[in-house]
Protein backbone atom coordinates (compact mmCIF):
# COMPACT_ATOMS: atom_id res chain seq x y z
CA MET A 1 26.19 54.78 -57.08
CA PRO A 2 26.26 50.93 -55.44
CA GLY A 3 28.42 48.54 -56.69
CA LYS A 4 28.72 44.66 -56.43
CA ILE A 5 30.32 43.70 -52.77
CA ASN A 6 30.31 40.39 -50.89
CA ILE A 7 29.28 39.86 -47.20
CA ASP A 8 29.72 36.86 -45.90
CA ALA A 9 26.32 36.10 -44.91
CA TYR A 10 27.70 31.84 -43.77
CA SER A 11 29.08 32.96 -41.26
CA LEU A 12 26.49 34.81 -39.09
CA LEU A 13 24.57 31.44 -40.35
CA GLU A 14 26.52 29.36 -39.01
CA THR A 15 27.33 31.50 -35.22
CA VAL A 16 22.83 30.98 -35.12
CA ARG A 17 23.00 27.11 -35.71
CA LYS A 18 25.73 26.97 -33.13
CA GLN A 19 24.12 29.76 -30.13
CA ARG A 20 20.75 28.58 -30.89
CA PRO A 21 19.57 31.93 -29.63
CA VAL A 22 15.97 32.90 -28.36
CA VAL A 23 13.55 34.73 -30.73
CA HIS A 24 11.10 36.40 -29.15
CA HIS A 25 7.80 37.39 -31.27
CA LEU A 26 4.07 38.97 -30.58
CA THR A 27 3.54 38.80 -34.48
CA ASN A 28 0.78 38.18 -37.29
CA TRP A 29 -1.62 35.19 -36.27
CA VAL A 30 -2.20 34.67 -39.73
CA THR A 31 1.52 33.36 -40.31
CA ILE A 32 2.57 32.81 -37.04
CA TYR A 33 3.43 29.15 -37.76
CA ASP A 34 5.37 29.84 -40.89
CA CYS A 35 7.44 32.81 -38.90
CA ALA A 36 8.27 29.97 -36.10
CA ASN A 37 9.27 26.98 -38.38
CA VAL A 38 11.54 29.85 -40.35
CA VAL A 39 13.15 30.44 -36.93
CA LYS A 40 13.60 26.66 -35.77
CA VAL A 41 15.37 25.70 -39.45
CA LEU A 42 17.78 27.91 -39.41
CA GLY A 43 18.58 26.64 -36.13
CA ALA A 44 17.24 29.33 -33.80
CA SER A 45 14.77 28.51 -30.87
CA PRO A 46 11.25 30.51 -31.88
CA VAL A 47 8.97 31.20 -28.71
CA MET A 48 5.57 32.90 -29.76
CA ALA A 49 4.30 34.87 -26.38
CA HIS A 50 1.93 37.15 -26.74
CA ALA A 51 0.17 37.81 -23.43
CA LYS A 52 1.02 40.82 -20.91
CA GLU A 53 1.51 39.21 -18.04
CA GLU A 54 4.12 37.61 -19.87
CA ALA A 55 5.59 39.57 -22.30
CA ALA A 56 8.02 41.79 -20.16
CA GLU A 57 9.89 38.04 -18.76
CA MET A 58 9.77 36.02 -22.08
CA ALA A 59 11.37 39.24 -23.75
CA SER A 60 13.74 38.92 -20.51
CA ILE A 61 14.97 35.21 -21.55
CA ALA A 62 15.18 36.12 -24.83
CA SER A 63 18.32 37.51 -27.52
CA ALA A 64 15.58 39.40 -30.35
CA LEU A 65 12.14 40.62 -30.33
CA VAL A 66 10.24 40.61 -33.38
CA LEU A 67 7.22 42.55 -33.56
CA ASN A 68 4.37 42.36 -35.97
CA ILE A 69 1.60 44.03 -36.58
CA GLY A 70 -0.32 42.27 -39.07
CA THR A 71 -3.30 41.50 -36.99
CA LEU A 72 -3.43 44.01 -34.10
CA THR A 73 -5.02 44.94 -31.72
CA ASP A 74 -5.59 47.56 -28.59
CA ASP A 75 -4.48 44.20 -26.22
CA LEU A 76 -1.89 42.88 -28.72
CA ILE A 77 -0.05 46.32 -29.05
CA GLU A 78 0.09 46.98 -25.43
CA ALA A 79 1.55 43.82 -24.85
CA MET A 80 3.91 44.76 -27.65
CA LYS A 81 4.98 47.91 -25.91
CA ILE A 82 5.69 45.98 -22.62
CA ALA A 83 7.80 43.66 -24.43
CA ALA A 84 9.59 46.02 -26.10
CA LYS A 85 10.18 47.66 -23.15
CA SER A 86 11.47 45.03 -21.54
CA ALA A 87 14.08 43.78 -24.29
CA ASN A 88 15.33 47.56 -24.62
CA LYS A 89 16.32 47.14 -20.56
CA LYS A 90 18.49 43.95 -21.23
CA GLY A 91 19.76 45.69 -24.84
CA ILE A 92 18.47 42.87 -27.01
CA PRO A 93 17.32 44.07 -30.60
CA VAL A 94 13.58 44.97 -31.46
CA VAL A 95 12.58 44.53 -34.94
CA LEU A 96 9.32 45.74 -36.07
CA ASP A 97 7.13 44.73 -39.23
CA ALA A 98 5.00 47.44 -40.07
CA CYS A 99 2.80 45.03 -41.49
CA GLY A 100 -0.18 47.56 -43.17
CA CYS A 101 1.30 50.36 -42.00
CA GLY A 102 -0.77 53.07 -45.00
CA ALA A 103 -3.81 50.91 -45.05
CA THR A 104 -5.94 52.33 -41.89
CA GLN A 105 -5.70 55.03 -39.33
CA LEU A 106 -5.26 52.49 -36.47
CA ARG A 107 -2.63 50.92 -38.18
CA ASN A 108 -0.64 54.33 -38.47
CA LYS A 109 -1.99 55.44 -35.25
CA LYS A 110 0.18 51.98 -33.49
CA THR A 111 2.70 51.70 -35.28
CA PHE A 112 4.03 55.55 -34.72
CA GLU A 113 2.71 54.95 -30.78
CA LEU A 114 5.37 51.68 -30.56
CA LEU A 115 8.04 53.85 -32.07
CA ASP A 116 7.53 56.96 -30.31
CA GLU A 117 7.35 54.95 -26.86
CA THR A 118 9.74 51.84 -27.50
CA ARG A 119 13.00 51.61 -28.79
CA ILE A 120 12.73 50.02 -32.14
CA ASP A 121 16.08 49.14 -33.81
CA ILE A 122 15.02 48.01 -37.20
CA ILE A 123 11.99 49.03 -38.72
CA LYS A 124 11.41 46.78 -41.90
CA GLY A 125 8.09 46.78 -44.48
CA ASN A 126 7.68 46.93 -48.03
CA ALA A 127 7.99 50.21 -49.80
CA SER A 128 4.41 52.01 -48.90
CA GLU A 129 4.82 50.45 -45.70
CA ILE A 130 8.12 52.21 -44.71
CA ALA A 131 7.16 55.64 -46.80
CA LYS A 132 4.37 55.42 -44.57
CA VAL A 133 6.24 55.52 -41.40
CA ALA A 134 9.08 58.27 -43.19
CA GLY A 135 6.05 60.64 -43.63
CA GLU A 136 5.21 60.23 -47.15
CA ASN A 137 1.74 60.53 -48.58
CA VAL A 138 1.02 56.78 -49.42
CA ARG A 139 -1.60 54.54 -49.27
CA THR A 140 -0.62 50.33 -48.64
CA LYS A 141 -3.01 48.12 -50.45
CA GLY A 142 -3.74 45.78 -47.38
CA VAL A 143 -0.57 44.63 -46.81
CA ASP A 144 0.70 44.65 -50.33
CA ALA A 145 2.72 47.26 -51.84
CA THR A 146 1.93 50.49 -53.23
CA LYS A 147 3.83 52.77 -55.52
CA VAL A 148 6.42 55.39 -54.36
CA GLU A 149 7.68 58.31 -56.15
CA LYS A 150 10.37 59.30 -53.96
CA ASP A 151 13.47 57.50 -54.07
CA LEU A 152 13.56 54.78 -52.02
CA ILE A 153 17.42 54.40 -50.77
CA GLN A 154 16.77 57.89 -49.90
CA ILE A 155 13.69 57.48 -47.98
CA ALA A 156 15.71 54.66 -46.47
CA LYS A 157 18.75 56.59 -44.90
CA GLU A 158 16.71 59.23 -44.14
CA LEU A 159 14.32 57.17 -41.82
CA ALA A 160 17.27 55.34 -40.46
CA ALA A 161 19.06 58.76 -39.64
CA LYS A 162 15.65 60.64 -38.01
CA ARG A 163 14.47 57.26 -35.61
CA LYS A 164 18.83 55.87 -35.19
CA ALA A 165 17.33 52.70 -36.15
CA THR A 166 18.35 49.83 -39.09
CA VAL A 167 15.79 50.53 -42.15
CA VAL A 168 14.94 47.11 -44.42
CA ILE A 169 12.66 48.19 -47.64
CA THR A 170 11.69 44.40 -48.77
CA GLY A 171 10.54 43.95 -52.33
CA ALA A 172 12.06 42.77 -55.81
CA GLU A 173 15.72 44.51 -54.62
CA ASP A 174 15.91 45.18 -50.59
CA ILE A 175 17.14 47.88 -49.26
CA VAL A 176 18.98 47.36 -45.87
CA SER A 177 20.34 50.93 -44.36
CA ASP A 178 21.09 52.24 -41.01
CA GLY A 179 21.46 55.74 -42.16
CA LYS A 180 25.46 55.04 -43.16
CA LYS A 181 25.63 51.98 -44.67
CA LEU A 182 23.88 50.39 -47.44
CA TYR A 183 23.07 46.82 -48.68
CA ILE A 184 21.20 46.24 -51.74
CA VAL A 185 19.90 42.69 -51.98
CA LYS A 186 19.22 41.70 -54.90
CA ASN A 187 18.31 37.59 -54.86
CA GLY A 188 14.91 36.21 -54.19
CA HIS A 189 12.83 35.01 -56.82
CA GLU A 190 8.80 36.20 -57.99
CA MET A 191 7.83 32.70 -56.44
CA MET A 192 7.50 34.26 -53.15
CA SER A 193 5.10 36.56 -53.73
CA HIS A 194 2.50 34.00 -54.61
CA ILE A 195 2.33 32.68 -51.03
CA VAL A 196 1.44 34.62 -47.67
CA GLY A 197 4.43 34.55 -45.22
CA THR A 198 6.74 35.91 -46.51
CA GLY A 199 7.31 38.94 -45.48
CA CYS A 200 6.70 37.94 -42.25
CA MET A 201 9.00 34.90 -42.38
CA ALA A 202 11.59 37.94 -43.28
CA ALA A 203 11.35 39.96 -40.45
CA SER A 204 11.78 36.82 -38.12
CA VAL A 205 15.12 35.86 -40.32
CA ILE A 206 16.40 39.47 -39.79
CA GLY A 207 15.39 39.22 -36.06
CA THR A 208 17.15 35.58 -35.98
CA PHE A 209 20.71 37.34 -37.42
CA ALA A 210 19.97 40.67 -35.33
CA ALA A 211 20.71 37.70 -31.99
CA VAL A 212 23.98 36.95 -33.13
CA GLU A 213 25.26 39.95 -35.01
CA LYS A 214 25.35 43.82 -32.99
CA ASP A 215 25.63 45.49 -36.86
CA LEU A 216 22.50 45.48 -37.02
CA ALA A 217 22.51 46.73 -40.82
CA LEU A 218 24.92 43.64 -41.69
CA ALA A 219 22.76 41.29 -39.90
CA ALA A 220 19.22 41.78 -42.05
CA ALA A 221 21.20 42.31 -45.13
CA SER A 222 23.27 38.30 -44.14
CA GLY A 223 19.53 37.01 -42.79
CA LEU A 224 17.71 38.31 -46.63
CA VAL A 225 20.81 36.96 -48.42
CA CYS A 226 20.41 33.16 -47.11
CA PHE A 227 16.19 33.55 -47.41
CA GLU A 228 16.18 34.50 -51.04
CA VAL A 229 19.25 32.39 -51.77
CA ALA A 230 17.04 29.58 -50.46
CA SER A 231 14.10 30.79 -52.30
CA GLU A 232 16.05 30.41 -55.72
CA CYS A 233 17.17 26.92 -54.99
CA ALA A 234 13.54 25.89 -53.77
CA VAL A 235 12.09 26.99 -56.77
CA LYS A 236 13.95 24.98 -59.36
CA GLY A 237 12.44 21.85 -58.49
CA SER A 238 8.72 23.37 -57.37
CA VAL A 239 5.54 22.81 -59.41
CA GLY A 240 3.99 25.86 -57.86
CA PRO A 241 3.57 28.05 -54.68
CA GLY A 242 2.68 24.62 -52.00
CA THR A 243 6.00 22.79 -53.07
CA PHE A 244 8.00 26.15 -53.21
CA LYS A 245 7.11 26.81 -49.60
CA GLU A 246 7.94 23.04 -48.80
CA LYS A 247 11.12 23.17 -50.52
CA LEU A 248 11.84 26.82 -48.88
CA PHE A 249 12.08 25.45 -45.45
CA ASP A 250 14.58 22.45 -46.74
CA TYR A 251 17.06 24.80 -48.41
CA LEU A 252 17.21 26.92 -45.64
CA TYR A 253 18.22 24.14 -43.02
CA HIS A 254 20.68 22.87 -45.58
CA LEU A 255 22.25 26.33 -46.87
CA ASP A 256 25.55 25.89 -46.79
CA LYS A 257 28.97 28.43 -47.41
CA LYS A 258 29.85 27.79 -51.31
CA THR A 259 25.25 27.95 -52.06
CA ILE A 260 25.50 31.12 -50.85
CA ASP A 261 28.15 32.48 -51.65
CA SER A 262 28.38 31.55 -55.04
CA MET A 263 24.35 32.89 -55.11
CA GLN A 264 24.31 36.34 -53.04
CA ARG A 265 24.04 38.98 -55.38
CA VAL A 266 24.25 42.21 -53.03
CA GLU A 267 25.12 45.77 -53.97
CA GLY A 268 26.25 48.52 -51.10
């Protein structure tokens, strides 16, 4: 059974602030502004370059690549493949947010094309998205999770081992596994579910931390701790989703070691 552990998430946040890595995105048009902002307030440098003509070149100067299929088109997926192959060649981590996988046949097909034709280092999604990637018979409700009967920890571990990747299942409790190590992040607040884009932002946060840490499971868990501790701080002074979102960026920008260490709730 998992037990309480402490991870030094602040050290990685401090490294992000010092190194200011470039995080290349081909991402969701709905949330692209928020994804850029969340990377920026953490101290890194976001770039949103979707054109096929420059995707490889931009990936070659980045420290991590984040792909999000939330508003996919055939052309965008082809650009993602080009960027991912460039990132693979350079040896930088590639994060895939399987946004909406399980909702339509197109999303399912394109998700597996990316997984089969490129090297994906971190596969991120909600419970039903990841279950679909793992081969379970589930249906995603648009981009919202539906109930998955099988044990999610087992799904994460098995998919991680099969794909030789780190798997992140986001939800009320986030599950992170590389097939061997396991982190369960229990931070966060229900208010996160009332604004569009927190899942997409989480993928960008994970990519930012992966840009400075080779242990991708630790990077993902640390990023989620920071993101979700900030959300718990932000909700205290908020009157609703609008003020919560504004304060979330402020608290991420001001995160310190004492806050992270005292508020993190992680099992492993």
